[in-house]
Amino acid sequence: MKAFRNLAALLAAAALTVPLTACEMPDREATERWTATADTNVAIDWDKVNEAYKKAAGPEDFEKKVNEIYEGSELISVHVQDLDEKTQVVTGFFDKNTDGQVGEDEKVFTIRRDITQPGEGQYAIEGHGHYAGYHSPVMSLVSGMVLGSMVSSMFSPRYVPVYVQPYATSPNRHSELRNQRQSYRAANPSRFRGPSSKSTGKSYGGGSRGGGFRGSRGGGRFGLARAGRAVRPRRLDA
């Protein structure tokens, strides 16, 4: 009888152990999966990036503006290169290893600007990584528009590409950019509520603009980010 009771106790303990292990496994796997695949989920206002590019006085001004727009804790570095006399490519990237070089897995966006004919040009913005689904329409640039010197210089009769040797945000400039951004956020408390406790994948603010993720690839009003917007059904009378 005693042996029977011992056997029953062992079977009961085994029955309790198996469900507990099964319940714990998904949580552990989910944590490991998040650690391996965590990426930024901070919305980017592409309209503001568009305006910042058009009005920037140069790469340093543009990288400052972009980091004021971006609401995450990461810093966005900028790489500017003139591929030839007509084409310029601007890349925003997370310089994860602080080497000043654009790694393919570090890209956030690229802007390609082309001169199409004298006095006219065009540009478009494309997202990368988490923002890979975003593509803006091709936008026109015309001599006489209100533009910053970074863009308007291409309309000069004596225009010569400046960035044949690329410009890239120096890692030594990161501290300055972070301080500038911190001052900007402190001056706009309604937009930025406080720093995130996480380094990657968390927004700085928590409001509808600060932490809101208005689309799967960012929050602009132009480009393919608009696709998928719900259409309210209408009743059609016979």
Protein backbone atom coordinates (compact mmCIF):
# COMPACT_ATOMS: atom_id res chain seq x y z
CA MET A 1 0.00 0.00 0.00
CA LYS A 2 2.83 2.35 0.89
CA ALA A 3 4.52 1.58 -2.43
CA PHE A 4 1.26 2.41 -4.22
CA ARG A 5 1.02 5.78 -2.46
CA ASN A 6 4.64 6.62 -3.40
CA LEU A 7 3.96 5.74 -7.03
CA ALA A 8 0.83 7.89 -7.06
CA ALA A 9 2.78 10.83 -5.61
CA LEU A 10 5.48 10.53 -8.28
CA LEU A 11 2.89 10.42 -11.07
CA ALA A 12 1.12 13.51 -9.67
CA ALA A 13 4.43 15.45 -9.49
CA ALA A 14 5.25 14.50 -13.09
CA ALA A 15 1.80 15.66 -14.26
CA LEU A 16 2.35 19.09 -12.68
CA THR A 17 5.88 19.47 -14.06
CA VAL A 18 5.03 18.86 -17.74
CA PRO A 19 2.37 21.64 -18.13
CA LEU A 20 4.57 24.12 -16.27
CA THR A 21 7.49 23.50 -18.64
CA ALA A 22 5.20 23.76 -21.66
CA CYS A 23 3.85 27.11 -20.44
CA GLU A 24 7.30 28.53 -19.84
CA MET A 25 8.77 27.62 -23.23
CA PRO A 26 6.79 30.08 -25.45
CA ASP A 27 7.74 33.03 -23.22
CA ARG A 28 11.42 32.15 -23.39
CA GLU A 29 11.28 31.66 -27.15
CA ALA A 30 9.41 34.94 -27.60
CA THR A 31 12.06 36.77 -25.58
CA GLU A 32 14.89 35.24 -27.60
CA ARG A 33 13.09 36.03 -30.86
CA TRP A 34 12.60 39.67 -29.82
CA THR A 35 16.26 40.01 -28.81
CA ALA A 36 17.37 38.65 -32.18
CA THR A 37 15.02 40.69 -34.35
CA ALA A 38 14.47 43.92 -32.39
CA ASP A 39 14.58 46.94 -34.68
CA THR A 40 13.35 50.51 -34.52
CA ASN A 41 9.59 50.94 -34.58
CA VAL A 42 9.68 54.73 -34.35
CA ALA A 43 7.59 56.54 -36.94
CA ILE A 44 9.34 58.97 -39.26
CA ASP A 45 7.47 62.01 -40.57
CA TRP A 46 8.51 61.82 -44.22
CA ASP A 47 6.89 65.18 -44.99
CA LYS A 48 9.32 66.81 -42.59
CA VAL A 49 12.30 64.93 -44.02
CA ASN A 50 11.25 66.18 -47.44
CA GLU A 51 11.12 69.79 -46.22
CA ALA A 52 14.39 69.46 -44.33
CA TYR A 53 16.17 68.26 -47.45
CA LYS A 54 14.78 71.05 -49.62
CA LYS A 55 15.71 73.76 -47.10
CA ALA A 56 19.05 72.46 -45.79
CA ALA A 57 22.04 74.75 -46.10
CA GLY A 58 24.35 71.74 -46.31
CA PRO A 59 24.93 68.21 -44.97
CA GLU A 60 25.60 69.42 -41.41
CA ASP A 61 22.36 71.38 -41.39
CA PHE A 62 20.44 68.45 -42.85
CA GLU A 63 21.73 65.93 -40.29
CA LYS A 64 20.78 68.36 -37.51
CA LYS A 65 17.25 68.75 -38.90
CA VAL A 66 16.80 65.00 -39.45
CA ASN A 67 17.72 64.22 -35.85
CA GLU A 68 15.20 66.78 -34.65
CA ILE A 69 12.55 65.06 -36.78
CA TYR A 70 13.43 61.51 -35.75
CA GLU A 71 11.81 60.72 -32.40
CA GLY A 72 13.80 57.66 -31.36
CA SER A 73 16.88 57.41 -29.18
CA GLU A 74 19.24 56.41 -32.00
CA LEU A 75 21.23 59.03 -33.87
CA ILE A 76 20.87 59.30 -37.66
CA SER A 77 24.12 59.95 -39.51
CA VAL A 78 24.18 61.35 -43.05
CA HIS A 79 26.23 60.38 -46.10
CA VAL A 80 26.21 62.64 -49.17
CA GLN A 81 27.81 61.68 -52.49
CA ASP A 82 27.73 63.17 -55.99
CA LEU A 83 27.79 60.17 -58.32
CA ASP A 84 28.34 62.43 -61.33
CA GLU A 85 27.50 65.97 -62.49
CA LYS A 86 23.76 65.27 -62.41
CA THR A 87 23.13 62.78 -59.63
CA GLN A 88 23.47 63.09 -55.87
CA VAL A 89 22.56 60.41 -53.30
CA VAL A 90 21.94 61.28 -49.66
CA THR A 91 21.75 58.39 -47.19
CA GLY A 92 20.52 58.52 -43.60
CA PHE A 93 21.89 55.65 -41.50
CA PHE A 94 22.38 54.39 -37.96
CA ASP A 95 26.16 54.32 -37.57
CA LYS A 96 26.05 51.31 -35.24
CA ASN A 97 29.80 50.64 -35.26
CA THR A 98 30.73 54.37 -35.41
CA ASP A 99 33.04 53.94 -38.39
CA GLY A 100 31.45 56.70 -40.47
CA GLN A 101 30.64 54.22 -43.26
CA VAL A 102 27.21 53.19 -44.53
CA GLY A 103 26.54 49.52 -43.82
CA GLU A 104 23.70 47.96 -45.77
CA ASP A 105 21.95 46.95 -42.54
CA GLU A 106 22.40 50.49 -41.15
CA LYS A 107 20.43 52.36 -43.84
CA VAL A 108 17.31 54.29 -42.80
CA PHE A 109 16.57 56.15 -46.04
CA THR A 110 18.12 57.38 -49.27
CA ILE A 111 17.33 60.49 -51.29
CA ARG A 112 18.30 60.47 -54.96
CA ARG A 113 18.44 63.85 -56.68
CA ASP A 114 18.91 64.22 -60.43
CA ILE A 115 19.28 67.24 -62.73
CA THR A 116 16.90 66.55 -65.64
CA GLN A 117 17.58 69.67 -67.74
CA PRO A 118 18.88 73.21 -67.19
CA GLY A 119 16.94 74.80 -64.36
CA GLU A 120 15.04 71.63 -63.47
CA GLY A 121 15.59 68.55 -61.35
CA GLN A 122 13.81 65.85 -59.42
CA TYR A 123 14.27 63.75 -56.30
CA ALA A 124 12.65 60.88 -54.42
CA ILE A 125 12.95 59.34 -50.96
CA GLU A 126 13.13 55.60 -50.28
CA GLY A 127 13.05 53.87 -46.90
CA HIS A 128 15.27 50.96 -45.90
CA GLY A 129 15.30 48.31 -43.21
CA HIS A 130 12.18 48.68 -41.10
CA TYR A 131 11.04 51.49 -43.46
CA ALA A 132 11.65 49.51 -46.65
CA GLY A 133 8.01 49.75 -47.71
CA TYR A 134 8.16 53.53 -48.07
CA HIS A 135 8.71 55.16 -51.48
CA SER A 136 7.84 58.78 -52.13
CA PRO A 137 6.62 60.00 -55.49
CA VAL A 138 9.22 61.64 -57.74
CA MET A 139 9.14 65.33 -56.81
CA SER A 140 10.15 68.27 -58.99
CA LEU A 141 12.80 70.88 -58.30
CA VAL A 142 12.69 74.05 -60.36
CA SER A 143 14.94 77.08 -60.41
CA GLY A 144 13.24 79.88 -58.50
CA MET A 145 11.74 77.64 -55.79
CA VAL A 146 12.54 78.53 -52.19
CA LEU A 147 15.36 76.06 -51.54
CA GLY A 148 18.37 75.77 -49.28
CA SER A 149 21.83 76.01 -50.78
CA MET A 150 22.39 72.24 -50.54
CA VAL A 151 19.83 71.78 -53.33
CA SER A 152 19.68 75.16 -55.06
CA SER A 153 23.41 75.18 -55.84
CA MET A 154 22.75 72.74 -58.70
CA PHE A 155 20.99 75.57 -60.59
CA SER A 156 24.09 77.76 -60.59
CA PRO A 157 25.58 78.31 -64.10
CA ARG A 158 28.97 77.46 -62.62
CA TYR A 159 27.77 74.43 -60.67
CA VAL A 160 30.43 71.82 -59.92
CA PRO A 161 29.60 68.72 -57.83
CA VAL A 162 30.94 69.28 -54.33
CA TYR A 163 30.67 65.79 -52.88
CA VAL A 164 32.55 63.65 -55.39
CA GLN A 165 34.52 62.79 -52.27
CA PRO A 166 31.58 61.87 -50.03
CA TYR A 167 30.60 63.71 -46.90
CA ALA A 168 29.73 61.51 -43.91
CA THR A 169 28.79 62.45 -40.36
CA SER A 170 31.92 62.10 -38.29
CA PRO A 171 31.61 59.93 -35.17
CA ASN A 172 33.28 62.86 -33.38
CA ARG A 173 30.20 64.94 -34.18
CA HIS A 174 27.76 62.54 -32.51
CA SER A 175 28.01 64.19 -29.09
CA GLU A 176 27.31 67.61 -30.57
CA LEU A 177 24.29 66.31 -32.47
CA ARG A 178 22.91 64.58 -29.39
CA ASN A 179 23.28 67.76 -27.34
CA GLN A 180 21.57 69.82 -30.04
CA ARG A 181 18.73 67.32 -30.22
CA GLN A 182 18.35 67.22 -26.45
CA SER A 183 18.05 71.02 -26.39
CA TYR A 184 15.47 70.90 -29.18
CA ARG A 185 13.40 68.29 -27.37
CA ALA A 186 13.58 70.21 -24.11
CA ALA A 187 12.28 73.29 -25.96
CA ASN A 188 9.33 71.25 -27.33
CA PRO A 189 7.95 69.46 -24.24
CA SER A 190 4.50 68.90 -25.73
CA ARG A 191 6.03 66.76 -28.47
CA PHE A 192 8.71 65.00 -26.45
CA ARG A 193 7.67 63.70 -23.05
CA GLY A 194 10.88 62.10 -21.91
CA PRO A 195 13.73 59.78 -22.92
CA SER A 196 13.13 56.11 -23.56
CA SER A 197 14.68 53.62 -21.19
CA LYS A 198 15.65 51.42 -24.14
CA SER A 199 18.30 52.15 -26.73
CA THR A 200 16.83 50.52 -29.83
CA GLY A 201 13.27 50.04 -30.93
CA LYS A 202 11.62 52.58 -28.62
CA SER A 203 10.37 56.07 -29.30
CA TYR A 204 11.50 59.05 -27.27
CA GLY A 205 8.01 60.41 -26.61
CA GLY A 206 4.75 58.77 -25.76
CA GLY A 207 2.04 60.92 -27.32
CA SER A 208 0.19 60.51 -30.57
CA ARG A 209 3.04 62.23 -32.38
CA GLY A 210 5.94 61.43 -30.05
CA GLY A 211 5.48 57.69 -29.76
CA GLY A 212 2.72 56.98 -32.21
CA PHE A 213 3.48 54.68 -35.10
CA ARG A 214 1.04 55.89 -37.72
CA GLY A 215 2.05 53.41 -40.38
CA SER A 216 4.04 50.25 -40.74
CA ARG A 217 6.86 52.16 -42.37
CA GLY A 218 6.59 55.69 -41.03
CA GLY A 219 4.25 58.62 -40.85
CA GLY A 220 4.27 60.81 -43.94
CA ARG A 221 1.37 62.12 -45.96
CA PHE A 222 2.95 61.48 -49.36
CA GLY A 223 4.27 58.29 -50.89
CA LEU A 224 3.21 54.68 -50.53
CA ALA A 225 2.80 55.04 -46.78
CA ARG A 226 -0.70 56.25 -47.65
CA ALA A 227 -1.65 52.90 -49.13
CA GLY A 228 -4.02 50.80 -47.07
CA ARG A 229 -5.83 53.73 -45.49
CA ALA A 230 -9.35 52.64 -44.61
CA VAL A 231 -12.11 53.81 -46.95
CA ARG A 232 -15.42 54.48 -45.29
CA PRO A 233 -18.24 52.59 -47.01
CA ARG A 234 -20.99 54.63 -48.66
CA ARG A 235 -24.58 53.59 -49.23
CA LEU A 236 -25.71 53.78 -52.81
CA ASP A 237 -29.43 54.39 -53.29
CA ALA A 238 -31.12 52.50 -56.13
